[in-house]
Amino acid sequence: MLAIKRISICSIIILMLAIPAFGLSSGPGHLNSNNELTVEYGCTCHNNGATSDRAVVMITGVPVMYEPSLSYEFTIYVADSLTLSGGEGNVKAGFLLSSGALGDFTWDEDQDLRDADGRPDDVSHSDTDDDGIWILTWTAPEEDVGNIQFWLAGNSVDGGGLPDEMDYWNYFSFIINAPGTITTTEQSSTLDTRTISVGEDDTLFVLDESPEQLERERQDELSITIFRQGNLFYWTTLLALIVGAIVQKEILERRYDDGPEFLASELAYPQGIRQGIVSLVTFFIAINWASSDTTMVFQKVDFSSFIIGITFTISAWFAYSVYRTILAARKEPEVQDLM
């Protein structure tokens, strides 16, 4: 009986710990643990209930003043400021957006969005997102309802499955003014849309890269440069050695009146035709690639020049093979060739 009780207690504890993880993975609830609206008063489960400047929350495309029935495209961005600056920070994010049930939110199916739990007029994520970027459309009410207040809360989590102190969140509110409340003599584009954000100033406005990130980028550039130069010198040297050996062979054959062995015409013609076709096809392929702007990239390295050079080399080699086949067909047969 004692063992059964212990197992039951452990199962209950594990289930209680897992419930927040399952709930938050598909968006936060509309009420926090204090029975207050999460989007307005914040989250009480992540980071011990305290906001953090490490959680950068941003929304773009917000108009200063709305027009009735007009649609506006919002882009929401949530991230860990340490990750943005090149460090090892949180890589998953979620959000909760509310307009106080004024206007309508719509989105494409590939955006992993859904109606907020318990608040069908609000929007939340359907799954934590690796890049923390969501795009949705807000359509203003059909008539003037006065200024409209929005609330946006976002969290950047470590993906551990528990709402602990390593998960950071932040939130803010903003207002879109009613139609006709703002007039200006400036160009309309200055009042069309704006970006609103909260988080670390250095990340939002400076976004300096960390020394580790700069060193990593320097090492990557150095390795790519060494790879390119090494390939250039290797293949150039190899090609020079091959060409030199061929030239030397031709010189020695003419000096000692030597050359390729006799090849009967019934064998030489098909062989020369095949070699000629391969030479022409590879030549035109190389010309086509050389005149194209398309790059051939693998592992961040552009292999276009290498592949084009190899194709030209193959074409030249088969053209040389045609020349050698002609020499072999024109050579006078010897006694052993006629036997």
C-alpha atoms as a PDB file:
ATOM      1  CA  MET A   1       0.000   0.000   0.000  1.00  0.00           C
ATOM      2  CA  LEU A   2       2.836   2.399   0.869  1.00  0.00           C
ATOM      3  CA  ALA A   3       4.477   1.817  -2.504  1.00  0.00           C
ATOM      4  CA  ILE A   4       1.173   2.477  -4.308  1.00  0.00           C
ATOM      5  CA  LYS A   5       0.685   5.736  -2.404  1.00  0.00           C
ATOM      6  CA  ARG A   6       4.205   6.906  -3.270  1.00  0.00           C
ATOM      7  CA  ILE A   7       3.676   6.089  -6.943  1.00  0.00           C
ATOM      8  CA  SER A   8       0.349   7.939  -6.935  1.00  0.00           C
ATOM      9  CA  ILE A   9       1.861  11.029  -5.298  1.00  0.00           C
ATOM     10  CA  CYS A  10       4.760  11.075  -7.781  1.00  0.00           C
ATOM     11  CA  SER A  11       2.357  10.714 -10.718  1.00  0.00           C
ATOM     12  CA  ILE A  12       0.237  13.615  -9.473  1.00  0.00           C
ATOM     13  CA  ILE A  13       3.313  15.839  -9.041  1.00  0.00           C
ATOM     14  CA  ILE A  14       4.601  14.996 -12.533  1.00  0.00           C
ATOM     15  CA  LEU A  15       1.168  15.693 -14.014  1.00  0.00           C
ATOM     16  CA  MET A  16       0.954  19.050 -12.249  1.00  0.00           C
ATOM     17  CA  LEU A  17       4.387  20.021 -13.552  1.00  0.00           C
ATOM     18  CA  ALA A  18       3.491  18.977 -17.090  1.00  0.00           C
ATOM     19  CA  ILE A  19       0.192  20.870 -17.273  1.00  0.00           C
ATOM     20  CA  PRO A  20       1.814  24.347 -17.625  1.00  0.00           C
ATOM     21  CA  ALA A  21       4.138  23.058 -20.314  1.00  0.00           C
ATOM     22  CA  PHE A  22       1.306  21.640 -22.398  1.00  0.00           C
ATOM     23  CA  GLY A  23      -0.794  24.743 -21.879  1.00  0.00           C
ATOM     24  CA  LEU A  24       1.880  27.283 -22.746  1.00  0.00           C
ATOM     25  CA  SER A  25       3.122  25.426 -25.812  1.00  0.00           C
ATOM     26  CA  SER A  26      -0.108  26.316 -27.583  1.00  0.00           C
ATOM     27  CA  GLY A  27      -0.415  29.844 -26.233  1.00  0.00           C
ATOM     28  CA  PRO A  28      -1.010  31.289 -22.758  1.00  0.00           C
ATOM     29  CA  GLY A  29      -4.387  31.299 -21.092  1.00  0.00           C
ATOM     30  CA  HIS A  30      -6.403  34.527 -21.086  1.00  0.00           C
ATOM     31  CA  LEU A  31      -6.168  34.722 -17.268  1.00  0.00           C
ATOM     32  CA  ASN A  32      -2.984  34.572 -15.197  1.00  0.00           C
ATOM     33  CA  SER A  33      -2.691  32.964 -11.761  1.00  0.00           C
ATOM     34  CA  ASN A  34      -4.046  36.155 -10.178  1.00  0.00           C
ATOM     35  CA  ASN A  35      -7.247  35.781 -12.243  1.00  0.00           C
ATOM     36  CA  GLU A  36      -6.329  38.885 -14.277  1.00  0.00           C
ATOM     37  CA  LEU A  37      -6.168  39.269 -18.040  1.00  0.00           C
ATOM     38  CA  THR A  38      -2.730  38.002 -19.088  1.00  0.00           C
ATOM     39  CA  VAL A  39      -2.425  40.361 -22.031  1.00  0.00           C
ATOM     40  CA  GLU A  40      -3.146  43.419 -19.846  1.00  0.00           C
ATOM     41  CA  TYR A  41      -1.485  42.516 -16.555  1.00  0.00           C
ATOM     42  CA  GLY A  42       1.227  40.153 -17.680  1.00  0.00           C
ATOM     43  CA  CYS A  43       2.255  36.561 -17.131  1.00  0.00           C
ATOM     44  CA  THR A  44       2.780  35.271 -13.581  1.00  0.00           C
ATOM     45  CA  CYS A  45       4.265  31.867 -14.464  1.00  0.00           C
ATOM     46  CA  HIS A  46       7.408  32.749 -16.444  1.00  0.00           C
ATOM     47  CA  ASN A  47      10.472  34.312 -14.776  1.00  0.00           C
ATOM     48  CA  ASN A  48       8.757  34.259 -11.360  1.00  0.00           C
ATOM     49  CA  GLY A  49       6.126  36.668 -12.655  1.00  0.00           C
ATOM     50  CA  ALA A  50       8.564  39.516 -13.402  1.00  0.00           C
ATOM     51  CA  THR A  51       9.048  41.205 -16.760  1.00  0.00           C
ATOM     52  CA  SER A  52      12.499  41.159 -18.329  1.00  0.00           C
ATOM     53  CA  ASP A  53      14.170  43.517 -20.802  1.00  0.00           C
ATOM     54  CA  ARG A  54      15.772  40.457 -22.387  1.00  0.00           C
ATOM     55  CA  ALA A  55      12.391  39.729 -23.949  1.00  0.00           C
ATOM     56  CA  VAL A  56      12.232  41.981 -26.996  1.00  0.00           C
ATOM     57  CA  VAL A  57       8.622  42.382 -28.155  1.00  0.00           C
ATOM     58  CA  MET A  58       7.938  44.356 -31.333  1.00  0.00           C
ATOM     59  CA  ILE A  59       5.043  45.031 -33.687  1.00  0.00           C
ATOM     60  CA  THR A  60       5.308  46.801 -37.048  1.00  0.00           C
ATOM     61  CA  GLY A  61       2.775  48.148 -39.523  1.00  0.00           C
ATOM     62  CA  VAL A  62       0.695  49.899 -36.848  1.00  0.00           C
ATOM     63  CA  PRO A  63      -1.189  52.928 -38.203  1.00  0.00           C
ATOM     64  CA  VAL A  64      -1.298  56.125 -36.198  1.00  0.00           C
ATOM     65  CA  MET A  65      -4.954  56.545 -37.158  1.00  0.00           C
ATOM     66  CA  TYR A  66      -7.314  53.913 -38.550  1.00  0.00           C
ATOM     67  CA  GLU A  67      -9.908  54.221 -41.278  1.00  0.00           C
ATOM     68  CA  PRO A  68     -13.174  52.275 -40.929  1.00  0.00           C
ATOM     69  CA  SER A  69     -13.188  48.823 -42.583  1.00  0.00           C
ATOM     70  CA  LEU A  70      -9.586  49.258 -43.767  1.00  0.00           C
ATOM     71  CA  SER A  71      -7.168  46.331 -43.254  1.00  0.00           C
ATOM     72  CA  TYR A  72      -3.656  46.678 -41.827  1.00  0.00           C
ATOM     73  CA  GLU A  73      -0.922  44.053 -41.880  1.00  0.00           C
ATOM     74  CA  PHE A  74       0.889  43.626 -38.545  1.00  0.00           C
ATOM     75  CA  THR A  75       4.176  41.811 -38.061  1.00  0.00           C
ATOM     76  CA  ILE A  76       4.904  40.617 -34.520  1.00  0.00           C
ATOM     77  CA  TYR A  77       8.462  39.856 -33.501  1.00  0.00           C
ATOM     78  CA  VAL A  78       9.481  38.280 -30.183  1.00  0.00           C
ATOM     79  CA  ALA A  79      13.018  37.219 -29.263  1.00  0.00           C
ATOM     80  CA  ASP A  80      15.665  37.021 -26.569  1.00  0.00           C
ATOM     81  CA  SER A  81      17.947  40.062 -26.802  1.00  0.00           C
ATOM     82  CA  LEU A  82      20.987  37.893 -26.057  1.00  0.00           C
ATOM     83  CA  THR A  83      20.195  35.689 -29.038  1.00  0.00           C
ATOM     84  CA  LEU A  84      19.669  38.747 -31.255  1.00  0.00           C
ATOM     85  CA  SER A  85      23.105  40.079 -30.340  1.00  0.00           C
ATOM     86  CA  GLY A  86      24.813  36.780 -31.219  1.00  0.00           C
ATOM     87  CA  GLY A  87      24.911  35.097 -27.826  1.00  0.00           C
ATOM     88  CA  GLU A  88      23.549  31.794 -26.587  1.00  0.00           C
ATOM     89  CA  GLY A  89      20.047  32.723 -25.476  1.00  0.00           C
ATOM     90  CA  ASN A  90      16.492  31.493 -25.829  1.00  0.00           C
ATOM     91  CA  VAL A  91      15.385  30.406 -29.279  1.00  0.00           C
ATOM     92  CA  LYS A  92      11.610  29.932 -28.994  1.00  0.00           C
ATOM     93  CA  ALA A  93       8.869  32.513 -28.575  1.00  0.00           C
ATOM     94  CA  GLY A  94       5.143  33.083 -28.189  1.00  0.00           C
ATOM     95  CA  PHE A  95       2.726  36.009 -27.857  1.00  0.00           C
ATOM     96  CA  LEU A  96      -0.788  37.196 -27.002  1.00  0.00           C
ATOM     97  CA  LEU A  97      -2.423  40.160 -28.816  1.00  0.00           C
ATOM     98  CA  SER A  98      -5.708  41.889 -27.970  1.00  0.00           C
ATOM     99  CA  SER A  99      -7.650  44.802 -29.450  1.00  0.00           C
ATOM    100  CA  GLY A 100     -10.392  44.706 -26.842  1.00  0.00           C
ATOM    101  CA  ALA A 101     -12.658  42.872 -29.304  1.00  0.00           C
ATOM    102  CA  LEU A 102     -12.653  45.896 -31.656  1.00  0.00           C
ATOM    103  CA  GLY A 103     -11.968  44.996 -35.265  1.00  0.00           C
ATOM    104  CA  ASP A 104     -11.172  41.545 -36.642  1.00  0.00           C
ATOM    105  CA  PHE A 105      -7.930  39.552 -36.818  1.00  0.00           C
ATOM    106  CA  THR A 106      -7.229  37.208 -39.741  1.00  0.00           C
ATOM    107  CA  TRP A 107      -4.143  35.260 -40.810  1.00  0.00           C
ATOM    108  CA  ASP A 108      -2.844  32.644 -43.228  1.00  0.00           C
ATOM    109  CA  GLU A 109      -2.883  29.020 -42.151  1.00  0.00           C
ATOM    110  CA  ASP A 110       0.916  28.730 -42.291  1.00  0.00           C
ATOM    111  CA  GLN A 111       1.368  31.317 -39.520  1.00  0.00           C
ATOM    112  CA  ASP A 112       0.649  28.880 -36.630  1.00  0.00           C
ATOM    113  CA  LEU A 113      -1.875  31.263 -35.082  1.00  0.00           C
ATOM    114  CA  ARG A 114      -5.180  30.667 -33.318  1.00  0.00           C
ATOM    115  CA  ASP A 115      -7.865  32.412 -31.305  1.00  0.00           C
ATOM    116  CA  ALA A 116      -6.650  32.984 -27.782  1.00  0.00           C
ATOM    117  CA  ASP A 117      -7.817  30.479 -25.181  1.00  0.00           C
ATOM    118  CA  GLY A 118     -10.929  31.883 -23.518  1.00  0.00           C
ATOM    119  CA  ARG A 119     -10.799  35.100 -25.582  1.00  0.00           C
ATOM    120  CA  PRO A 120     -11.904  34.312 -29.176  1.00  0.00           C
ATOM    121  CA  ASP A 121     -11.436  37.961 -30.243  1.00  0.00           C
ATOM    122  CA  ASP A 122      -7.749  37.902 -29.269  1.00  0.00           C
ATOM    123  CA  VAL A 123      -4.879  36.172 -31.083  1.00  0.00           C
ATOM    124  CA  SER A 124      -2.207  33.818 -29.793  1.00  0.00           C
ATOM    125  CA  HIS A 125       0.286  31.331 -31.216  1.00  0.00           C
ATOM    126  CA  SER A 126      -0.685  27.719 -31.763  1.00  0.00           C
ATOM    127  CA  ASP A 127       2.877  26.537 -31.138  1.00  0.00           C
ATOM    128  CA  THR A 128       6.124  28.104 -29.945  1.00  0.00           C
ATOM    129  CA  ASP A 129       8.036  29.508 -32.891  1.00  0.00           C
ATOM    130  CA  ASP A 130      11.779  29.265 -33.625  1.00  0.00           C
ATOM    131  CA  ASP A 131      12.109  32.641 -35.356  1.00  0.00           C
ATOM    132  CA  GLY A 132       9.416  34.409 -33.294  1.00  0.00           C
ATOM    133  CA  ILE A 133       7.852  36.147 -36.310  1.00  0.00           C
ATOM    134  CA  TRP A 134       4.148  36.153 -37.099  1.00  0.00           C
ATOM    135  CA  ILE A 135       2.191  38.084 -39.727  1.00  0.00           C
ATOM    136  CA  LEU A 136      -1.520  38.808 -39.348  1.00  0.00           C
ATOM    137  CA  THR A 137      -4.102  41.288 -40.589  1.00  0.00           C
ATOM    138  CA  TRP A 138      -6.273  43.546 -38.448  1.00  0.00           C
ATOM    139  CA  THR A 139      -9.385  44.992 -40.070  1.00  0.00           C
ATOM    140  CA  ALA A 140     -10.721  48.142 -38.427  1.00  0.00           C
ATOM    141  CA  PRO A 141     -14.376  48.370 -37.306  1.00  0.00           C
ATOM    142  CA  GLU A 142     -16.930  49.404 -39.912  1.00  0.00           C
ATOM    143  CA  GLU A 143     -17.568  52.720 -38.145  1.00  0.00           C
ATOM    144  CA  ASP A 144     -15.779  55.178 -35.887  1.00  0.00           C
ATOM    145  CA  VAL A 145     -15.636  53.680 -32.378  1.00  0.00           C
ATOM    146  CA  GLY A 146     -13.120  56.150 -30.971  1.00  0.00           C
ATOM    147  CA  ASN A 147      -9.537  55.407 -30.051  1.00  0.00           C
ATOM    148  CA  ILE A 148      -8.711  51.681 -29.950  1.00  0.00           C
ATOM    149  CA  GLN A 149      -6.276  50.334 -27.367  1.00  0.00           C
ATOM    150  CA  PHE A 150      -4.175  47.246 -28.073  1.00  0.00           C
ATOM    151  CA  TRP A 151      -2.216  45.021 -25.696  1.00  0.00           C
ATOM    152  CA  LEU A 152       0.681  42.803 -26.740  1.00  0.00           C
ATOM    153  CA  ALA A 153       2.521  40.325 -24.500  1.00  0.00           C
ATOM    154  CA  GLY A 154       5.390  38.116 -25.656  1.00  0.00           C
ATOM    155  CA  ASN A 155       7.714  35.584 -24.107  1.00  0.00           C
ATOM    156  CA  SER A 156      11.034  34.101 -25.140  1.00  0.00           C
ATOM    157  CA  VAL A 157      11.576  30.622 -23.710  1.00  0.00           C
ATOM    158  CA  ASP A 158      14.393  28.103 -23.579  1.00  0.00           C
ATOM    159  CA  GLY A 159      12.238  25.213 -24.788  1.00  0.00           C
ATOM    160  CA  GLY A 160      12.769  23.234 -21.590  1.00  0.00           C
ATOM    161  CA  GLY A 161       9.045  22.679 -21.140  1.00  0.00           C
ATOM    162  CA  LEU A 162       8.738  24.416 -17.771  1.00  0.00           C
ATOM    163  CA  PRO A 163       7.836  28.085 -17.112  1.00  0.00           C
ATOM    164  CA  ASP A 164      10.934  28.754 -15.004  1.00  0.00           C
ATOM    165  CA  GLU A 165      13.207  31.747 -14.409  1.00  0.00           C
ATOM    166  CA  MET A 166      15.031  31.066 -17.690  1.00  0.00           C
ATOM    167  CA  ASP A 167      11.915  32.108 -19.636  1.00  0.00           C
ATOM    168  CA  TYR A 168      11.553  35.861 -20.198  1.00  0.00           C
ATOM    169  CA  TRP A 169       8.473  37.896 -21.019  1.00  0.00           C
ATOM    170  CA  ASN A 170       7.515  41.496 -21.629  1.00  0.00           C
ATOM    171  CA  TYR A 171       4.414  43.428 -22.647  1.00  0.00           C
ATOM    172  CA  PHE A 172       3.106  46.857 -23.611  1.00  0.00           C
ATOM    173  CA  SER A 173      -0.013  48.596 -24.890  1.00  0.00           C
ATOM    174  CA  PHE A 174      -0.581  51.156 -27.641  1.00  0.00           C
ATOM    175  CA  ILE A 175      -3.427  53.169 -29.116  1.00  0.00           C
ATOM    176  CA  ILE A 176      -4.589  53.627 -32.698  1.00  0.00           C
ATOM    177  CA  ASN A 177      -6.371  56.945 -32.952  1.00  0.00           C
ATOM    178  CA  ALA A 178      -9.911  57.379 -34.236  1.00  0.00           C
ATOM    179  CA  PRO A 179     -10.515  58.647 -37.791  1.00  0.00           C
ATOM    180  CA  GLY A 180     -10.094  62.393 -38.298  1.00  0.00           C
ATOM    181  CA  THR A 181      -8.405  63.000 -34.921  1.00  0.00           C
ATOM    182  CA  ILE A 182      -4.970  63.713 -36.386  1.00  0.00           C
ATOM    183  CA  THR A 183      -4.178  66.180 -39.137  1.00  0.00           C
ATOM    184  CA  THR A 184      -0.786  67.158 -40.501  1.00  0.00           C
ATOM    185  CA  THR A 185       0.738  69.224 -43.264  1.00  0.00           C
ATOM    186  CA  GLU A 186       3.485  66.651 -43.743  1.00  0.00           C
ATOM    187  CA  GLN A 187       3.415  63.854 -46.278  1.00  0.00           C
ATOM    188  CA  SER A 188       0.880  61.144 -45.461  1.00  0.00           C
ATOM    189  CA  SER A 189       3.613  58.496 -45.403  1.00  0.00           C
ATOM    190  CA  THR A 190       4.965  59.928 -42.144  1.00  0.00           C
ATOM    191  CA  LEU A 191       1.732  58.926 -40.412  1.00  0.00           C
ATOM    192  CA  ASP A 192       0.893  55.733 -42.303  1.00  0.00           C
ATOM    193  CA  THR A 193       2.478  53.131 -40.047  1.00  0.00           C
ATOM    194  CA  ARG A 194       4.904  52.846 -37.155  1.00  0.00           C
ATOM    195  CA  THR A 195       6.905  50.299 -35.174  1.00  0.00           C
ATOM    196  CA  ILE A 196       6.313  49.856 -31.445  1.00  0.00           C
ATOM    197  CA  SER A 197       8.617  47.793 -29.248  1.00  0.00           C
ATOM    198  CA  VAL A 198       9.848  47.086 -25.750  1.00  0.00           C
ATOM    199  CA  GLY A 199      13.060  45.484 -24.543  1.00  0.00           C
ATOM    200  CA  GLU A 200      16.762  46.261 -24.207  1.00  0.00           C
ATOM    201  CA  ASP A 201      17.664  49.538 -25.924  1.00  0.00           C
ATOM    202  CA  ASP A 202      21.018  48.192 -27.113  1.00  0.00           C
ATOM    203  CA  THR A 203      19.275  45.376 -28.938  1.00  0.00           C
ATOM    204  CA  LEU A 204      16.435  47.473 -30.312  1.00  0.00           C
ATOM    205  CA  PHE A 205      18.418  50.424 -31.612  1.00  0.00           C
ATOM    206  CA  VAL A 206      22.113  49.486 -31.652  1.00  0.00           C
ATOM    207  CA  LEU A 207      22.168  45.716 -31.971  1.00  0.00           C
ATOM    208  CA  ASP A 208      25.943  45.446 -31.525  1.00  0.00           C
ATOM    209  CA  GLU A 209      27.357  42.025 -32.237  1.00  0.00           C
ATOM    210  CA  SER A 210      29.109  40.263 -29.392  1.00  0.00           C
ATOM    211  CA  PRO A 211      32.891  39.602 -29.604  1.00  0.00           C
ATOM    212  CA  GLU A 212      32.140  35.881 -29.850  1.00  0.00           C
ATOM    213  CA  GLN A 213      29.832  36.438 -32.819  1.00  0.00           C
ATOM    214  CA  LEU A 214      32.370  38.691 -34.562  1.00  0.00           C
ATOM    215  CA  GLU A 215      35.130  36.120 -34.042  1.00  0.00           C
ATOM    216  CA  ARG A 216      32.876  33.328 -35.326  1.00  0.00           C
ATOM    217  CA  GLU A 217      32.098  35.335 -38.465  1.00  0.00           C
ATOM    218  CA  ARG A 218      35.797  36.106 -38.959  1.00  0.00           C
ATOM    219  CA  GLN A 219      36.709  32.433 -38.655  1.00  0.00           C
ATOM    220  CA  ASP A 220      33.962  31.467 -41.124  1.00  0.00           C
ATOM    221  CA  GLU A 221      35.166  34.017 -43.676  1.00  0.00           C
ATOM    222  CA  LEU A 222      38.777  32.892 -43.170  1.00  0.00           C
ATOM    223  CA  SER A 223      37.945  29.216 -43.671  1.00  0.00           C
ATOM    224  CA  ILE A 224      35.967  29.985 -46.844  1.00  0.00           C
ATOM    225  CA  THR A 225      38.848  32.098 -48.214  1.00  0.00           C
ATOM    226  CA  ILE A 226      41.405  29.357 -47.506  1.00  0.00           C
ATOM    227  CA  PHE A 227      39.133  26.779 -49.111  1.00  0.00           C
ATOM    228  CA  ARG A 228      38.688  28.872 -52.251  1.00  0.00           C
ATOM    229  CA  GLN A 229      42.367  29.730 -52.602  1.00  0.00           C
ATOM    230  CA  GLY A 230      43.434  26.147 -51.874  1.00  0.00           C
ATOM    231  CA  ASN A 231      41.114  24.809 -54.556  1.00  0.00           C
ATOM    232  CA  LEU A 232      42.263  27.456 -57.022  1.00  0.00           C
ATOM    233  CA  PHE A 233      45.954  26.660 -56.541  1.00  0.00           C
ATOM    234  CA  TYR A 234      45.405  22.882 -56.467  1.00  0.00           C
ATOM    235  CA  TRP A 235      43.334  22.604 -59.632  1.00  0.00           C
ATOM    236  CA  THR A 236      45.387  25.216 -61.494  1.00  0.00           C
ATOM    237  CA  THR A 237      48.597  23.320 -60.687  1.00  0.00           C
ATOM    238  CA  LEU A 238      47.051  19.961 -61.610  1.00  0.00           C
ATOM    239  CA  LEU A 239      45.785  21.333 -64.933  1.00  0.00           C
ATOM    240  CA  ALA A 240      49.199  22.858 -65.695  1.00  0.00           C
ATOM    241  CA  LEU A 241      50.898  19.511 -65.032  1.00  0.00           C
ATOM    242  CA  ILE A 242      48.454  17.651 -67.305  1.00  0.00           C
ATOM    243  CA  VAL A 243      48.840  20.171 -70.133  1.00  0.00           C
ATOM    244  CA  GLY A 244      52.608  20.114 -69.740  1.00  0.00           C
ATOM    245  CA  ALA A 245      52.673  16.314 -69.893  1.00  0.00           C
ATOM    246  CA  ILE A 246      50.549  16.315 -73.058  1.00  0.00           C
ATOM    247  CA  VAL A 247      52.753  18.915 -74.757  1.00  0.00           C
ATOM    248  CA  GLN A 248      55.876  16.974 -73.810  1.00  0.00           C
ATOM    249  CA  LYS A 249      54.343  13.757 -75.170  1.00  0.00           C
ATOM    250  CA  GLU A 250      53.499  15.442 -78.496  1.00  0.00           C
ATOM    251  CA  ILE A 251      57.014  16.865 -78.823  1.00  0.00           C
ATOM    252  CA  LEU A 252      58.670  13.506 -78.112  1.00  0.00           C
ATOM    253  CA  GLU A 253      56.399  11.647 -80.550  1.00  0.00           C
ATOM    254  CA  ARG A 254      57.314  14.057 -83.364  1.00  0.00           C
ATOM    255  CA  ARG A 255      60.988  13.920 -82.525  1.00  0.00           C
ATOM    256  CA  TYR A 256      61.173  10.119 -82.537  1.00  0.00           C
ATOM    257  CA  ASP A 257      58.548   9.655 -85.275  1.00  0.00           C
ATOM    258  CA  ASP A 258      56.257   7.877 -82.882  1.00  0.00           C
ATOM    259  CA  GLY A 259      52.525   8.220 -82.207  1.00  0.00           C
ATOM    260  CA  PRO A 260      49.364   6.365 -81.300  1.00  0.00           C
ATOM    261  CA  GLU A 261      48.906   2.774 -82.396  1.00  0.00           C
ATOM    262  CA  PHE A 262      47.066   2.023 -85.617  1.00  0.00           C
ATOM    263  CA  LEU A 263      43.242   2.013 -85.349  1.00  0.00           C
ATOM    264  CA  ALA A 264      41.077   0.542 -88.102  1.00  0.00           C
ATOM    265  CA  SER A 265      38.634   2.973 -89.683  1.00  0.00           C
ATOM    266  CA  GLU A 266      35.595   0.853 -88.781  1.00  0.00           C
ATOM    267  CA  LEU A 267      36.558   1.420 -85.128  1.00  0.00           C
ATOM    268  CA  ALA A 268      37.961   4.927 -85.462  1.00  0.00           C
ATOM    269  CA  TYR A 269      34.850   6.548 -86.977  1.00  0.00           C
ATOM    270  CA  PRO A 270      32.368   5.510 -84.228  1.00  0.00           C
ATOM    271  CA  GLN A 271      34.900   6.314 -81.528  1.00  0.00           C
ATOM    272  CA  GLY A 272      35.715   9.744 -82.963  1.00  0.00           C
ATOM    273  CA  ILE A 273      32.011  10.579 -83.391  1.00  0.00           C
ATOM    274  CA  ARG A 274      31.231   9.673 -79.774  1.00  0.00           C
ATOM    275  CA  GLN A 275      34.155  11.712 -78.511  1.00  0.00           C
ATOM    276  CA  GLY A 276      33.197  14.661 -80.665  1.00  0.00           C
ATOM    277  CA  ILE A 277      29.594  14.633 -79.448  1.00  0.00           C
ATOM    278  CA  VAL A 278      30.688  14.566 -75.801  1.00  0.00           C
ATOM    279  CA  SER A 279      33.125  17.404 -76.455  1.00  0.00           C
ATOM    280  CA  LEU A 280      30.494  19.601 -78.123  1.00  0.00           C
ATOM    281  CA  VAL A 281      27.784  18.890 -75.517  1.00  0.00           C
ATOM    282  CA  THR A 282      30.042  19.651 -72.556  1.00  0.00           C
ATOM    283  CA  PHE A 283      31.355  22.773 -74.302  1.00  0.00           C
ATOM    284  CA  PHE A 284      27.866  24.197 -74.817  1.00  0.00           C
ATOM    285  CA  ILE A 285      26.906  23.292 -71.235  1.00  0.00           C
ATOM    286  CA  ALA A 286      29.972  25.122 -69.941  1.00  0.00           C
ATOM    287  CA  ILE A 287      29.196  28.145 -72.135  1.00  0.00           C
ATOM    288  CA  ASN A 288      25.606  28.197 -70.878  1.00  0.00           C
ATOM    289  CA  TRP A 289      26.685  28.016 -67.227  1.00  0.00           C
ATOM    290  CA  ALA A 290      29.355  30.676 -67.724  1.00  0.00           C
ATOM    291  CA  SER A 291      26.837  33.123 -69.237  1.00  0.00           C
ATOM    292  CA  SER A 292      24.229  32.455 -66.514  1.00  0.00           C
ATOM    293  CA  ASP A 293      23.935  34.411 -63.257  1.00  0.00           C
ATOM    294  CA  THR A 294      22.852  31.283 -61.367  1.00  0.00           C
ATOM    295  CA  THR A 295      25.242  30.256 -58.605  1.00  0.00           C
ATOM    296  CA  MET A 296      25.992  26.728 -57.428  1.00  0.00           C
ATOM    297  CA  VAL A 297      26.375  26.997 -53.665  1.00  0.00           C
ATOM    298  CA  PHE A 298      27.083  24.199 -51.203  1.00  0.00           C
ATOM    299  CA  GLN A 299      27.846  24.785 -47.520  1.00  0.00           C
ATOM    300  CA  LYS A 300      27.983  28.562 -48.181  1.00  0.00           C
ATOM    301  CA  VAL A 301      30.698  28.075 -50.834  1.00  0.00           C
ATOM    302  CA  ASP A 302      30.121  29.038 -54.474  1.00  0.00           C
ATOM    303  CA  PHE A 303      31.329  26.175 -56.700  1.00  0.00           C
ATOM    304  CA  SER A 304      30.210  27.799 -59.974  1.00  0.00           C
ATOM    305  CA  SER A 305      33.699  28.633 -61.272  1.00  0.00           C
ATOM    306  CA  PHE A 306      35.020  25.216 -60.274  1.00  0.00           C
ATOM    307  CA  ILE A 307      32.218  23.303 -62.037  1.00  0.00           C
ATOM    308  CA  ILE A 308      32.429  25.490 -65.151  1.00  0.00           C
ATOM    309  CA  GLY A 309      36.199  24.974 -65.294  1.00  0.00           C
ATOM    310  CA  ILE A 310      35.830  21.197 -64.932  1.00  0.00           C
ATOM    311  CA  THR A 311      33.231  21.141 -67.728  1.00  0.00           C
ATOM    312  CA  PHE A 312      35.513  23.103 -70.078  1.00  0.00           C
ATOM    313  CA  THR A 313      38.362  20.722 -69.195  1.00  0.00           C
ATOM    314  CA  ILE A 314      36.233  17.666 -70.023  1.00  0.00           C
ATOM    315  CA  SER A 315      35.261  19.257 -73.345  1.00  0.00           C
ATOM    316  CA  ALA A 316      38.911  19.977 -74.192  1.00  0.00           C
ATOM    317  CA  TRP A 317      39.982  16.461 -73.187  1.00  0.00           C
ATOM    318  CA  PHE A 318      37.435  14.800 -75.484  1.00  0.00           C
ATOM    319  CA  ALA A 319      38.391  17.188 -78.307  1.00  0.00           C
ATOM    320  CA  TYR A 320      42.009  16.097 -77.838  1.00  0.00           C
ATOM    321  CA  SER A 321      40.795  12.481 -77.894  1.00  0.00           C
ATOM    322  CA  VAL A 322      39.220  13.124 -81.324  1.00  0.00           C
ATOM    323  CA  TYR A 323      42.584  14.449 -82.523  1.00  0.00           C
ATOM    324  CA  ARG A 324      44.370  11.329 -81.218  1.00  0.00           C
ATOM    325  CA  THR A 325      41.763   9.078 -82.846  1.00  0.00           C
ATOM    326  CA  ILE A 326      42.343  10.811 -86.198  1.00  0.00           C
ATOM    327  CA  LEU A 327      46.101  10.292 -85.842  1.00  0.00           C
ATOM    328  CA  ALA A 328      45.567   6.615 -85.051  1.00  0.00           C
ATOM    329  CA  ALA A 329      43.268   6.118 -88.078  1.00  0.00           C
ATOM    330  CA  ARG A 330      45.728   7.842 -90.461  1.00  0.00           C
ATOM    331  CA  LYS A 331      48.725   5.853 -89.296  1.00  0.00           C
ATOM    332  CA  GLU A 332      50.087   3.251 -91.697  1.00  0.00           C
ATOM    333  CA  PRO A 333      49.347  -0.258 -90.405  1.00  0.00           C
ATOM    334  CA  GLU A 334      52.251  -2.516 -89.594  1.00  0.00           C
ATOM    335  CA  VAL A 335      52.487  -6.243 -90.104  1.00  0.00           C
ATOM    336  CA  GLN A 336      51.168  -7.123 -86.676  1.00  0.00           C
ATOM    337  CA  ASP A 337      48.197  -4.830 -87.285  1.00  0.00           C
ATOM    338  CA  LEU A 338      47.202  -6.784 -90.391  1.00  0.00           C
ATOM    339  CA  MET A 339      47.615 -10.234 -88.889  1.00  0.00           C
END
